[in-house]
């Protein structure tokens, strides 16, 4: 980000949630990147699967608000066999809205458009 900072106006940051990806947590990396984006228009996206935990969303919210509580959060439901239940999405959104003013549920447009 340091090398690109002066060339970027808006940052669309992806958080990789361990419960959704099956990978190790990247919380420290996410925290460092949030700090590196200070001063830029930024929003954070997280893909929500049926396996996403409330704890991962809570940690995401904590990292975002520690950086800047005005950073919007976008919850992107996975599709197919990994799709979360609508009630789960609403619950996660409502929980995040208790701390972050702008939390949206937006589908993964590239999947709808058939772009890998």
N, C-alpha and C. Protein backbone atom coordinates (compact mmCIF):
# COMPACT_ATOMS: atom_id res chain seq x y z
N UNK A 1 0.82 -1.19 0.00
CA UNK A 1 0.00 0.00 0.00
C UNK A 1 0.87 1.26 0.00
N UNK A 2 2.00 1.19 0.69
CA UNK A 2 2.88 2.36 0.73
C UNK A 2 3.29 2.79 -0.67
N UNK A 3 3.61 1.84 -1.53
CA UNK A 3 4.05 2.15 -2.89
C UNK A 3 2.91 2.71 -3.75
N UNK A 4 1.67 2.34 -3.44
CA UNK A 4 0.52 2.74 -4.25
C UNK A 4 -0.27 3.90 -3.66
N UNK A 5 0.02 4.29 -2.45
CA UNK A 5 -0.80 5.23 -1.70
C UNK A 5 -1.17 6.48 -2.51
N UNK A 6 -0.22 7.09 -3.15
CA UNK A 6 -0.47 8.34 -3.88
C UNK A 6 -1.23 8.15 -5.19
N UNK A 7 -1.40 6.91 -5.62
CA UNK A 7 -2.05 6.63 -6.89
C UNK A 7 -3.47 6.08 -6.72
N UNK A 8 -3.92 5.97 -5.48
CA UNK A 8 -5.20 5.34 -5.19
C UNK A 8 -6.11 6.34 -4.48
N UNK A 9 -7.37 6.40 -4.93
CA UNK A 9 -8.36 7.26 -4.27
C UNK A 9 -9.27 6.47 -3.33
N UNK A 10 -9.67 5.27 -3.78
CA UNK A 10 -10.60 4.45 -3.02
C UNK A 10 -10.01 3.06 -2.86
N UNK A 11 -10.11 2.53 -1.64
CA UNK A 11 -9.61 1.18 -1.35
C UNK A 11 -10.78 0.29 -0.98
N UNK A 12 -10.90 -0.82 -1.69
CA UNK A 12 -11.88 -1.85 -1.40
C UNK A 12 -11.10 -3.02 -0.80
N UNK A 13 -11.16 -3.13 0.51
CA UNK A 13 -10.34 -4.10 1.23
C UNK A 13 -11.14 -5.36 1.53
N UNK A 14 -10.54 -6.52 1.28
CA UNK A 14 -11.17 -7.80 1.62
C UNK A 14 -10.58 -8.33 2.92
N UNK A 15 -11.45 -8.65 3.86
CA UNK A 15 -11.04 -9.40 5.04
C UNK A 15 -11.27 -10.87 4.72
N UNK A 16 -10.29 -11.69 5.00
CA UNK A 16 -10.42 -13.14 4.84
C UNK A 16 -10.73 -13.73 6.21
N UNK A 17 -11.95 -14.17 6.40
CA UNK A 17 -12.37 -14.72 7.69
C UNK A 17 -11.98 -16.18 7.81
N UNK A 18 -11.32 -16.56 8.90
CA UNK A 18 -10.90 -17.96 9.04
C UNK A 18 -12.07 -18.95 8.98
N UNK A 19 -13.21 -18.57 9.55
CA UNK A 19 -14.35 -19.50 9.54
C UNK A 19 -14.96 -19.64 8.15
N UNK A 20 -14.76 -18.66 7.30
CA UNK A 20 -15.31 -18.73 5.95
C UNK A 20 -14.33 -19.34 4.95
N UNK A 21 -13.02 -19.16 5.19
CA UNK A 21 -12.02 -19.62 4.22
C UNK A 21 -11.36 -20.94 4.60
N UNK A 22 -11.36 -21.25 5.90
CA UNK A 22 -10.63 -22.42 6.37
C UNK A 22 -9.14 -22.15 6.49
N UNK A 23 -8.74 -20.91 6.26
CA UNK A 23 -7.33 -20.53 6.37
C UNK A 23 -7.03 -20.01 7.77
N UNK A 24 -5.75 -19.79 8.04
CA UNK A 24 -5.35 -19.23 9.33
C UNK A 24 -5.89 -17.80 9.43
N UNK A 25 -6.02 -17.26 10.63
CA UNK A 25 -6.46 -15.87 10.78
C UNK A 25 -5.43 -14.89 10.21
N UNK A 26 -5.91 -13.85 9.57
CA UNK A 26 -5.07 -12.78 9.03
C UNK A 26 -5.33 -11.45 9.74
N UNK A 27 -5.73 -11.51 11.01
CA UNK A 27 -6.13 -10.31 11.73
C UNK A 27 -5.01 -9.27 11.78
N UNK A 28 -3.80 -9.69 12.07
CA UNK A 28 -2.66 -8.74 12.15
C UNK A 28 -2.43 -8.08 10.80
N UNK A 29 -2.48 -8.86 9.72
CA UNK A 29 -2.29 -8.31 8.39
C UNK A 29 -3.41 -7.32 8.03
N UNK A 30 -4.63 -7.66 8.40
CA UNK A 30 -5.76 -6.77 8.15
C UNK A 30 -5.58 -5.46 8.92
N UNK A 31 -5.16 -5.59 10.16
CA UNK A 31 -4.95 -4.41 11.01
C UNK A 31 -3.87 -3.49 10.42
N UNK A 32 -2.78 -4.07 9.96
CA UNK A 32 -1.69 -3.29 9.36
C UNK A 32 -2.15 -2.60 8.08
N UNK A 33 -2.92 -3.31 7.27
CA UNK A 33 -3.39 -2.73 6.02
C UNK A 33 -4.37 -1.60 6.29
N UNK A 34 -5.26 -1.77 7.26
CA UNK A 34 -6.18 -0.69 7.64
C UNK A 34 -5.39 0.56 8.02
N UNK A 35 -4.33 0.39 8.80
CA UNK A 35 -3.51 1.52 9.22
C UNK A 35 -2.82 2.17 8.02
N UNK A 36 -2.38 1.36 7.08
CA UNK A 36 -1.70 1.87 5.89
C UNK A 36 -2.65 2.65 4.98
N UNK A 37 -3.95 2.43 5.12
CA UNK A 37 -4.95 3.10 4.28
C UNK A 37 -5.48 4.39 4.91
N UNK A 38 -4.98 4.75 6.06
CA UNK A 38 -5.46 5.95 6.75
C UNK A 38 -5.37 7.15 5.81
N UNK A 39 -6.48 7.89 5.71
CA UNK A 39 -6.52 9.05 4.84
C UNK A 39 -7.15 8.78 3.49
N UNK A 40 -7.42 7.53 3.18
CA UNK A 40 -8.05 7.15 1.91
C UNK A 40 -9.52 6.82 2.15
N UNK A 41 -10.34 6.98 1.09
CA UNK A 41 -11.70 6.46 1.15
C UNK A 41 -11.58 4.94 1.13
N UNK A 42 -12.19 4.30 2.09
CA UNK A 42 -11.99 2.87 2.29
C UNK A 42 -13.29 2.21 2.69
N UNK A 43 -13.51 1.01 2.19
CA UNK A 43 -14.56 0.15 2.74
C UNK A 43 -14.01 -1.26 2.81
N UNK A 44 -14.58 -2.04 3.72
CA UNK A 44 -14.12 -3.41 3.95
C UNK A 44 -15.22 -4.37 3.53
N UNK A 45 -14.82 -5.42 2.80
CA UNK A 45 -15.75 -6.46 2.37
C UNK A 45 -15.37 -7.77 3.06
N UNK A 46 -16.38 -8.51 3.46
CA UNK A 46 -16.16 -9.87 3.96
C UNK A 46 -17.14 -10.80 3.28
N UNK A 47 -16.65 -11.93 2.81
CA UNK A 47 -17.52 -12.95 2.25
C UNK A 47 -18.07 -13.75 3.43
N UNK A 48 -19.39 -13.89 3.45
CA UNK A 48 -20.07 -14.63 4.52
C UNK A 48 -20.55 -15.95 3.95
N UNK A 49 -20.13 -17.04 4.59
CA UNK A 49 -20.59 -18.37 4.21
C UNK A 49 -21.46 -18.93 5.32
N UNK A 50 -22.01 -20.10 5.08
CA UNK A 50 -22.81 -20.75 6.12
C UNK A 50 -21.96 -21.09 7.35
N UNK A 51 -20.64 -21.11 7.19
CA UNK A 51 -19.74 -21.45 8.29
C UNK A 51 -19.16 -20.23 9.00
N UNK A 52 -19.47 -19.03 8.52
CA UNK A 52 -18.95 -17.83 9.14
C UNK A 52 -19.44 -17.73 10.58
N UNK A 53 -18.54 -17.41 11.47
CA UNK A 53 -18.91 -17.31 12.89
C UNK A 53 -19.18 -15.85 13.28
N UNK A 54 -20.02 -15.71 14.27
CA UNK A 54 -20.30 -14.40 14.83
C UNK A 54 -19.02 -13.79 15.39
N UNK A 55 -18.14 -14.63 15.93
CA UNK A 55 -16.88 -14.14 16.50
C UNK A 55 -15.99 -13.51 15.42
N UNK A 56 -15.99 -14.08 14.22
CA UNK A 56 -15.19 -13.50 13.13
C UNK A 56 -15.75 -12.14 12.71
N UNK A 57 -17.05 -12.02 12.69
CA UNK A 57 -17.66 -10.72 12.35
C UNK A 57 -17.36 -9.72 13.46
N UNK A 58 -17.45 -10.16 14.71
CA UNK A 58 -17.15 -9.27 15.84
C UNK A 58 -15.69 -8.79 15.78
N UNK A 59 -14.78 -9.67 15.44
CA UNK A 59 -13.38 -9.30 15.33
C UNK A 59 -13.19 -8.32 14.18
N UNK A 60 -13.86 -8.55 13.07
CA UNK A 60 -13.79 -7.64 11.93
C UNK A 60 -14.27 -6.25 12.33
N UNK A 61 -15.39 -6.20 13.01
CA UNK A 61 -15.95 -4.93 13.47
C UNK A 61 -14.97 -4.24 14.42
N UNK A 62 -14.38 -4.99 15.30
CA UNK A 62 -13.41 -4.42 16.26
C UNK A 62 -12.22 -3.80 15.52
N UNK A 63 -11.67 -4.52 14.55
CA UNK A 63 -10.52 -3.98 13.81
C UNK A 63 -10.91 -2.73 13.03
N UNK A 64 -12.07 -2.75 12.42
CA UNK A 64 -12.53 -1.59 11.65
C UNK A 64 -12.71 -0.39 12.57
N UNK A 65 -13.42 -0.56 13.66
CA UNK A 65 -13.69 0.57 14.55
C UNK A 65 -12.42 1.07 15.24
N UNK A 66 -11.47 0.18 15.49
CA UNK A 66 -10.19 0.63 16.05
C UNK A 66 -9.45 1.55 15.07
N UNK A 67 -9.63 1.29 13.78
CA UNK A 67 -9.00 2.12 12.76
C UNK A 67 -9.81 3.39 12.53
N UNK A 68 -11.13 3.23 12.31
CA UNK A 68 -12.01 4.37 12.03
C UNK A 68 -13.45 3.85 11.96
N UNK A 69 -14.26 4.24 12.91
CA UNK A 69 -15.63 3.74 13.00
C UNK A 69 -16.50 4.14 11.82
N UNK A 70 -16.03 5.07 10.99
CA UNK A 70 -16.83 5.48 9.83
C UNK A 70 -16.56 4.63 8.59
N UNK A 71 -15.66 3.67 8.68
CA UNK A 71 -15.38 2.79 7.54
C UNK A 71 -16.58 1.86 7.32
N UNK A 72 -17.17 1.89 6.13
CA UNK A 72 -18.30 1.00 5.85
C UNK A 72 -17.86 -0.48 5.77
N UNK A 73 -18.79 -1.35 6.14
CA UNK A 73 -18.57 -2.79 6.06
C UNK A 73 -19.59 -3.38 5.09
N UNK A 74 -19.12 -4.20 4.16
CA UNK A 74 -19.98 -4.87 3.20
C UNK A 74 -19.92 -6.37 3.46
N UNK A 75 -21.07 -6.95 3.75
CA UNK A 75 -21.18 -8.40 3.92
C UNK A 75 -21.60 -8.98 2.57
N UNK A 76 -20.80 -9.89 2.04
CA UNK A 76 -21.08 -10.48 0.73
C UNK A 76 -21.40 -11.95 0.90
N UNK A 77 -22.67 -12.33 0.75
CA UNK A 77 -23.02 -13.75 0.91
C UNK A 77 -22.44 -14.61 -0.20
N UNK A 78 -21.86 -15.72 0.19
CA UNK A 78 -21.39 -16.72 -0.77
C UNK A 78 -22.62 -17.37 -1.40
N UNK A 79 -22.40 -18.01 -2.52
CA UNK A 79 -23.50 -18.68 -3.20
C UNK A 79 -23.36 -20.18 -3.14
N UNK A 80 -24.31 -20.85 -3.75
CA UNK A 80 -24.27 -22.31 -3.85
C UNK A 80 -24.30 -23.01 -2.51
N UNK A 81 -23.52 -24.06 -2.41
CA UNK A 81 -23.49 -24.88 -1.20
C UNK A 81 -22.97 -24.13 0.02
N UNK A 82 -22.27 -23.01 -0.21
CA UNK A 82 -21.69 -22.24 0.89
C UNK A 82 -22.58 -21.08 1.33
N UNK A 83 -23.71 -20.89 0.68
CA UNK A 83 -24.58 -19.75 0.96
C UNK A 83 -25.08 -19.76 2.40
N UNK A 84 -25.01 -18.61 3.06
CA UNK A 84 -25.57 -18.52 4.41
C UNK A 84 -27.08 -18.34 4.34
N UNK A 85 -27.75 -18.69 5.41
CA UNK A 85 -29.19 -18.46 5.50
C UNK A 85 -29.44 -16.95 5.60
N UNK A 86 -30.56 -16.52 5.05
CA UNK A 86 -30.91 -15.11 5.10
C UNK A 86 -30.97 -14.61 6.54
N UNK A 87 -31.55 -15.39 7.42
CA UNK A 87 -31.65 -14.99 8.83
C UNK A 87 -30.27 -14.77 9.44
N UNK A 88 -29.31 -15.59 9.05
CA UNK A 88 -27.94 -15.43 9.56
C UNK A 88 -27.35 -14.11 9.09
N UNK A 89 -27.54 -13.79 7.80
CA UNK A 89 -27.04 -12.53 7.26
C UNK A 89 -27.63 -11.33 7.99
N UNK A 90 -28.93 -11.36 8.21
CA UNK A 90 -29.61 -10.27 8.90
C UNK A 90 -29.09 -10.13 10.33
N UNK A 91 -28.89 -11.25 10.99
CA UNK A 91 -28.37 -11.24 12.35
C UNK A 91 -26.96 -10.64 12.40
N UNK A 92 -26.09 -11.06 11.47
CA UNK A 92 -24.73 -10.53 11.45
C UNK A 92 -24.73 -9.04 11.10
N UNK A 93 -25.58 -8.65 10.16
CA UNK A 93 -25.66 -7.23 9.81
C UNK A 93 -26.15 -6.41 11.00
N UNK A 94 -27.20 -6.87 11.67
CA UNK A 94 -27.73 -6.14 12.82
C UNK A 94 -26.70 -6.02 13.94
N UNK A 95 -25.95 -7.06 14.15
CA UNK A 95 -24.92 -7.01 15.19
C UNK A 95 -23.85 -5.97 14.83
N UNK A 96 -23.40 -6.00 13.58
CA UNK A 96 -22.37 -5.04 13.15
C UNK A 96 -22.91 -3.61 13.19
N UNK A 97 -24.20 -3.42 12.87
CA UNK A 97 -24.81 -2.09 12.87
C UNK A 97 -24.87 -1.47 14.26
N UNK A 98 -24.71 -2.26 15.29
CA UNK A 98 -24.67 -1.71 16.64
C UNK A 98 -23.42 -0.88 16.88
N UNK A 99 -22.40 -1.09 16.02
CA UNK A 99 -21.12 -0.40 16.20
C UNK A 99 -20.73 0.43 14.97
N UNK A 100 -21.02 -0.08 13.79
CA UNK A 100 -20.67 0.59 12.54
C UNK A 100 -21.96 1.11 11.90
N UNK A 101 -21.97 2.38 11.52
CA UNK A 101 -23.20 3.00 11.01
C UNK A 101 -23.59 2.51 9.62
N UNK A 102 -22.62 2.08 8.82
CA UNK A 102 -22.90 1.69 7.43
C UNK A 102 -22.47 0.24 7.22
N UNK A 103 -23.43 -0.66 7.30
CA UNK A 103 -23.18 -2.09 7.06
C UNK A 103 -24.19 -2.55 6.03
N UNK A 104 -23.69 -2.99 4.89
CA UNK A 104 -24.55 -3.38 3.78
C UNK A 104 -24.37 -4.85 3.44
N UNK A 105 -25.43 -5.45 2.93
CA UNK A 105 -25.36 -6.80 2.39
C UNK A 105 -25.48 -6.64 0.88
N UNK A 106 -24.40 -6.99 0.17
CA UNK A 106 -24.35 -6.84 -1.27
C UNK A 106 -23.80 -8.14 -1.86
N UNK A 107 -24.47 -8.71 -2.85
CA UNK A 107 -23.97 -9.96 -3.45
C UNK A 107 -22.63 -9.75 -4.14
N UNK A 108 -21.92 -10.83 -4.34
CA UNK A 108 -20.66 -10.79 -5.08
C UNK A 108 -20.99 -10.61 -6.56
N UNK A 109 -20.87 -9.40 -7.05
CA UNK A 109 -21.27 -9.08 -8.42
C UNK A 109 -20.50 -9.90 -9.45
N UNK A 110 -19.22 -10.13 -9.21
CA UNK A 110 -18.43 -10.89 -10.20
C UNK A 110 -18.97 -12.31 -10.37
N UNK A 111 -19.54 -12.87 -9.32
CA UNK A 111 -20.14 -14.22 -9.44
C UNK A 111 -21.41 -14.17 -10.28
N UNK A 112 -22.22 -13.14 -10.07
CA UNK A 112 -23.46 -12.99 -10.83
C UNK A 112 -23.15 -12.78 -12.31
N UNK A 113 -22.08 -12.04 -12.60
CA UNK A 113 -21.71 -11.74 -13.97
C UNK A 113 -20.88 -12.85 -14.63
N UNK A 114 -20.55 -13.88 -13.85
CA UNK A 114 -19.78 -15.00 -14.39
C UNK A 114 -18.31 -14.69 -14.60
N UNK A 115 -17.80 -13.75 -13.82
CA UNK A 115 -16.38 -13.38 -13.91
C UNK A 115 -15.64 -14.10 -12.79
N UNK A 116 -14.60 -14.88 -13.12
CA UNK A 116 -13.90 -15.64 -12.06
C UNK A 116 -13.21 -14.77 -11.04
